[in-house]
Amino acid sequence: MEFSSESNTYHAGDIVYIFYRNPHTQDVANIQAAAVVNNPERPNELALFLYETYYPLTNEMAIYATEDEANQAYTYYYGDISEGMLEPV
């Protein structure tokens, strides 16, 4: 199963990067890694798995294949990148 956006094709098992807004502090956005998985509610579709929640994978989502791409977009949209960088694990 795969999902294609404008410039990328995603498969279950891929790790992608998205902007995630804290639901408790809406003016804070961070770059977050998410897993592309098979959607448990719709077996023929893919979803993003983030914070124990499945989000349907759609063309309306801003998804980046690499952390570098996400950082560049974050800088473009939000300015200072220092708060959007992922912490080393």
N, C-alpha and C. Protein backbone atom coordinates (compact mmCIF):
# COMPACT_ATOMS: atom_id res chain seq x y z
N MET A 1 0.85 -1.15 0.00
CA MET A 1 0.00 0.00 0.00
C MET A 1 0.90 1.23 0.00
N GLU A 2 0.52 2.26 -0.75
CA GLU A 2 1.30 3.49 -0.79
C GLU A 2 0.38 4.69 -0.90
N PHE A 3 0.94 5.85 -0.62
CA PHE A 3 0.22 7.11 -0.71
C PHE A 3 1.15 8.09 -1.39
N SER A 4 0.66 8.79 -2.40
CA SER A 4 1.48 9.76 -3.12
C SER A 4 0.97 11.16 -2.87
N SER A 5 1.90 12.05 -2.56
CA SER A 5 1.56 13.47 -2.47
C SER A 5 2.20 14.14 -3.68
N GLU A 6 2.27 15.46 -3.68
CA GLU A 6 2.79 16.17 -4.84
C GLU A 6 4.17 15.70 -5.27
N SER A 7 5.06 15.45 -4.31
CA SER A 7 6.42 15.11 -4.69
C SER A 7 6.96 13.84 -4.04
N ASN A 8 6.20 13.20 -3.18
CA ASN A 8 6.69 12.01 -2.48
C ASN A 8 5.66 10.90 -2.47
N THR A 9 6.16 9.69 -2.38
CA THR A 9 5.32 8.51 -2.20
C THR A 9 5.68 7.91 -0.85
N TYR A 10 4.67 7.61 -0.05
CA TYR A 10 4.89 7.08 1.29
C TYR A 10 4.37 5.66 1.39
N HIS A 11 5.06 4.86 2.20
CA HIS A 11 4.69 3.47 2.44
C HIS A 11 4.62 3.24 3.94
N ALA A 12 3.84 2.25 4.35
CA ALA A 12 3.80 1.87 5.76
C ALA A 12 5.22 1.57 6.23
N GLY A 13 5.58 2.12 7.36
CA GLY A 13 6.92 1.94 7.91
C GLY A 13 7.82 3.16 7.72
N ASP A 14 7.44 4.08 6.83
CA ASP A 14 8.23 5.30 6.64
C ASP A 14 8.12 6.20 7.86
N ILE A 15 9.18 6.93 8.14
CA ILE A 15 9.16 7.97 9.16
C ILE A 15 9.16 9.30 8.41
N VAL A 16 8.22 10.18 8.76
CA VAL A 16 8.09 11.48 8.12
C VAL A 16 8.08 12.55 9.20
N TYR A 17 8.11 13.79 8.78
CA TYR A 17 8.15 14.92 9.71
C TYR A 17 7.00 15.86 9.41
N ILE A 18 6.35 16.33 10.47
CA ILE A 18 5.20 17.22 10.33
C ILE A 18 5.33 18.36 11.34
N PHE A 19 4.52 19.40 11.14
CA PHE A 19 4.38 20.44 12.16
C PHE A 19 3.27 19.99 13.08
N TYR A 20 3.51 20.05 14.36
CA TYR A 20 2.51 19.64 15.34
C TYR A 20 2.27 20.81 16.29
N ARG A 21 1.02 21.20 16.42
CA ARG A 21 0.66 22.26 17.36
C ARG A 21 0.23 21.63 18.67
N ASN A 22 0.77 22.15 19.75
CA ASN A 22 0.39 21.71 21.07
C ASN A 22 -1.08 22.06 21.29
N PRO A 23 -1.94 21.08 21.59
CA PRO A 23 -3.37 21.37 21.76
C PRO A 23 -3.66 22.29 22.94
N HIS A 24 -2.72 22.41 23.88
CA HIS A 24 -2.92 23.25 25.05
C HIS A 24 -2.32 24.64 24.88
N THR A 25 -1.43 24.79 23.91
CA THR A 25 -0.77 26.07 23.64
C THR A 25 -0.74 26.25 22.13
N GLN A 26 -1.80 26.78 21.56
CA GLN A 26 -1.96 26.84 20.11
C GLN A 26 -0.92 27.69 19.40
N ASP A 27 -0.25 28.59 20.10
CA ASP A 27 0.74 29.43 19.42
C ASP A 27 2.13 28.79 19.38
N VAL A 28 2.23 27.52 19.75
CA VAL A 28 3.50 26.80 19.71
C VAL A 28 3.40 25.67 18.69
N ALA A 29 4.31 25.68 17.72
CA ALA A 29 4.38 24.61 16.73
C ALA A 29 5.77 24.00 16.79
N ASN A 30 5.84 22.69 16.69
CA ASN A 30 7.11 21.97 16.70
C ASN A 30 7.16 21.01 15.53
N ILE A 31 8.37 20.66 15.16
CA ILE A 31 8.55 19.62 14.16
C ILE A 31 8.55 18.30 14.91
N GLN A 32 7.76 17.35 14.42
CA GLN A 32 7.63 16.07 15.10
C GLN A 32 7.75 14.94 14.10
N ALA A 33 8.49 13.91 14.45
CA ALA A 33 8.56 12.71 13.62
C ALA A 33 7.28 11.92 13.82
N ALA A 34 6.77 11.32 12.75
CA ALA A 34 5.57 10.49 12.81
C ALA A 34 5.79 9.27 11.92
N ALA A 35 5.14 8.19 12.25
CA ALA A 35 5.26 6.96 11.47
C ALA A 35 4.08 6.85 10.50
N VAL A 36 4.38 6.43 9.28
CA VAL A 36 3.33 6.10 8.32
C VAL A 36 2.96 4.64 8.58
N VAL A 37 1.68 4.39 8.81
CA VAL A 37 1.21 3.04 9.16
C VAL A 37 -0.05 2.71 8.37
N ASN A 38 -0.42 1.44 8.36
CA ASN A 38 -1.71 1.05 7.80
C ASN A 38 -2.80 1.55 8.74
N ASN A 39 -3.81 2.17 8.17
CA ASN A 39 -4.90 2.73 8.97
C ASN A 39 -5.75 1.59 9.53
N PRO A 40 -5.82 1.45 10.87
CA PRO A 40 -6.59 0.34 11.45
C PRO A 40 -8.10 0.47 11.22
N GLU A 41 -8.58 1.69 10.97
CA GLU A 41 -10.01 1.90 10.75
C GLU A 41 -10.41 1.74 9.29
N ARG A 42 -9.46 1.89 8.39
CA ARG A 42 -9.70 1.75 6.94
C ARG A 42 -8.54 0.96 6.36
N PRO A 43 -8.67 -0.34 6.26
CA PRO A 43 -7.57 -1.23 5.89
C PRO A 43 -6.86 -0.90 4.58
N ASN A 44 -7.50 -0.24 3.64
CA ASN A 44 -6.86 0.05 2.36
C ASN A 44 -6.24 1.44 2.31
N GLU A 45 -6.10 2.10 3.46
CA GLU A 45 -5.55 3.45 3.51
C GLU A 45 -4.40 3.50 4.51
N LEU A 46 -3.58 4.55 4.36
CA LEU A 46 -2.49 4.79 5.29
C LEU A 46 -2.88 5.90 6.26
N ALA A 47 -2.18 5.93 7.39
CA ALA A 47 -2.40 6.95 8.40
C ALA A 47 -1.05 7.36 8.98
N LEU A 48 -1.03 8.51 9.65
CA LEU A 48 0.13 8.90 10.44
C LEU A 48 -0.14 8.50 11.87
N PHE A 49 0.85 7.93 12.52
CA PHE A 49 0.73 7.56 13.93
C PHE A 49 1.60 8.50 14.74
N LEU A 50 0.93 9.28 15.60
CA LEU A 50 1.62 10.31 16.37
C LEU A 50 0.97 10.42 17.73
N TYR A 51 1.76 10.32 18.78
CA TYR A 51 1.25 10.42 20.15
C TYR A 51 0.07 9.48 20.40
N GLU A 52 0.26 8.23 20.02
CA GLU A 52 -0.74 7.18 20.25
C GLU A 52 -2.07 7.43 19.54
N THR A 53 -2.06 8.25 18.49
CA THR A 53 -3.27 8.57 17.73
C THR A 53 -3.01 8.37 16.25
N TYR A 54 -4.01 7.85 15.54
CA TYR A 54 -3.94 7.68 14.09
C TYR A 54 -4.61 8.87 13.41
N TYR A 55 -3.91 9.46 12.44
CA TYR A 55 -4.45 10.57 11.65
C TYR A 55 -4.49 10.13 10.20
N PRO A 56 -5.65 10.19 9.53
CA PRO A 56 -5.71 9.78 8.11
C PRO A 56 -4.70 10.58 7.29
N LEU A 57 -3.98 9.90 6.43
CA LEU A 57 -2.99 10.54 5.57
C LEU A 57 -3.70 11.11 4.35
N THR A 58 -3.69 12.43 4.23
CA THR A 58 -4.38 13.10 3.13
C THR A 58 -3.46 14.12 2.47
N ASN A 59 -3.84 14.59 1.30
CA ASN A 59 -3.07 15.62 0.60
C ASN A 59 -3.16 16.97 1.29
N GLU A 60 -4.03 17.11 2.28
CA GLU A 60 -4.17 18.37 3.00
C GLU A 60 -3.11 18.54 4.09
N MET A 61 -2.34 17.50 4.35
CA MET A 61 -1.32 17.56 5.39
C MET A 61 0.02 17.99 4.80
N ALA A 62 0.75 18.80 5.56
CA ALA A 62 2.11 19.18 5.17
C ALA A 62 3.05 18.13 5.76
N ILE A 63 3.55 17.27 4.90
CA ILE A 63 4.40 16.15 5.32
C ILE A 63 5.75 16.31 4.65
N TYR A 64 6.81 16.11 5.42
CA TYR A 64 8.16 16.26 4.90
C TYR A 64 8.90 14.93 5.06
N ALA A 65 9.61 14.55 4.01
CA ALA A 65 10.31 13.27 4.00
C ALA A 65 11.55 13.28 4.88
N THR A 66 12.15 14.46 5.08
CA THR A 66 13.35 14.54 5.91
C THR A 66 13.20 15.64 6.95
N GLU A 67 13.98 15.52 8.00
CA GLU A 67 13.97 16.55 9.03
C GLU A 67 14.48 17.87 8.46
N ASP A 68 15.45 17.81 7.55
CA ASP A 68 15.99 19.03 6.93
C ASP A 68 14.91 19.78 6.15
N GLU A 69 14.11 19.05 5.37
CA GLU A 69 13.00 19.68 4.63
C GLU A 69 12.02 20.34 5.60
N ALA A 70 11.71 19.66 6.68
CA ALA A 70 10.78 20.21 7.67
C ALA A 70 11.37 21.46 8.33
N ASN A 71 12.66 21.44 8.64
CA ASN A 71 13.30 22.61 9.24
C ASN A 71 13.29 23.80 8.29
N GLN A 72 13.53 23.56 7.00
CA GLN A 72 13.49 24.64 6.02
C GLN A 72 12.08 25.24 5.93
N ALA A 73 11.07 24.40 5.89
CA ALA A 73 9.70 24.89 5.83
C ALA A 73 9.33 25.62 7.12
N TYR A 74 9.77 25.10 8.25
CA TYR A 74 9.49 25.74 9.54
C TYR A 74 10.07 27.16 9.56
N THR A 75 11.32 27.28 9.10
CA THR A 75 11.97 28.59 9.04
C THR A 75 11.19 29.53 8.12
N TYR A 76 10.74 29.03 6.99
CA TYR A 76 9.99 29.84 6.04
C TYR A 76 8.68 30.35 6.66
N TYR A 77 7.95 29.47 7.33
CA TYR A 77 6.64 29.84 7.87
C TYR A 77 6.69 30.52 9.24
N TYR A 78 7.63 30.11 10.09
CA TYR A 78 7.62 30.59 11.47
C TYR A 78 8.83 31.42 11.86
N GLY A 79 9.85 31.49 11.02
CA GLY A 79 11.04 32.27 11.35
C GLY A 79 12.07 31.44 12.08
N ASP A 80 12.31 31.76 13.36
CA ASP A 80 13.36 31.11 14.15
C ASP A 80 13.14 29.60 14.23
N ILE A 81 14.14 28.85 13.84
CA ILE A 81 14.02 27.39 13.80
C ILE A 81 14.36 26.74 15.14
N SER A 82 14.98 27.44 16.07
CA SER A 82 15.50 26.81 17.28
C SER A 82 14.45 26.06 18.08
N GLU A 83 13.20 26.52 18.10
CA GLU A 83 12.17 25.82 18.86
C GLU A 83 11.56 24.66 18.09
N GLY A 84 11.84 24.54 16.79
CA GLY A 84 11.25 23.48 16.00
C GLY A 84 12.13 22.28 15.80
N MET A 85 13.37 22.34 16.28
CA MET A 85 14.29 21.24 16.04
C MET A 85 13.99 20.06 16.96
N LEU A 86 14.19 18.88 16.42
CA LEU A 86 14.00 17.67 17.22
C LEU A 86 15.18 17.49 18.16
N GLU A 87 14.90 17.03 19.35
CA GLU A 87 15.95 16.75 20.31
C GLU A 87 16.54 15.38 20.01
N PRO A 88 17.87 15.23 20.11
CA PRO A 88 18.47 13.90 19.88
C PRO A 88 17.93 12.90 20.90
N VAL A 89 17.77 11.68 20.46
CA VAL A 89 17.24 10.64 21.34
C VAL A 89 18.37 9.90 21.99
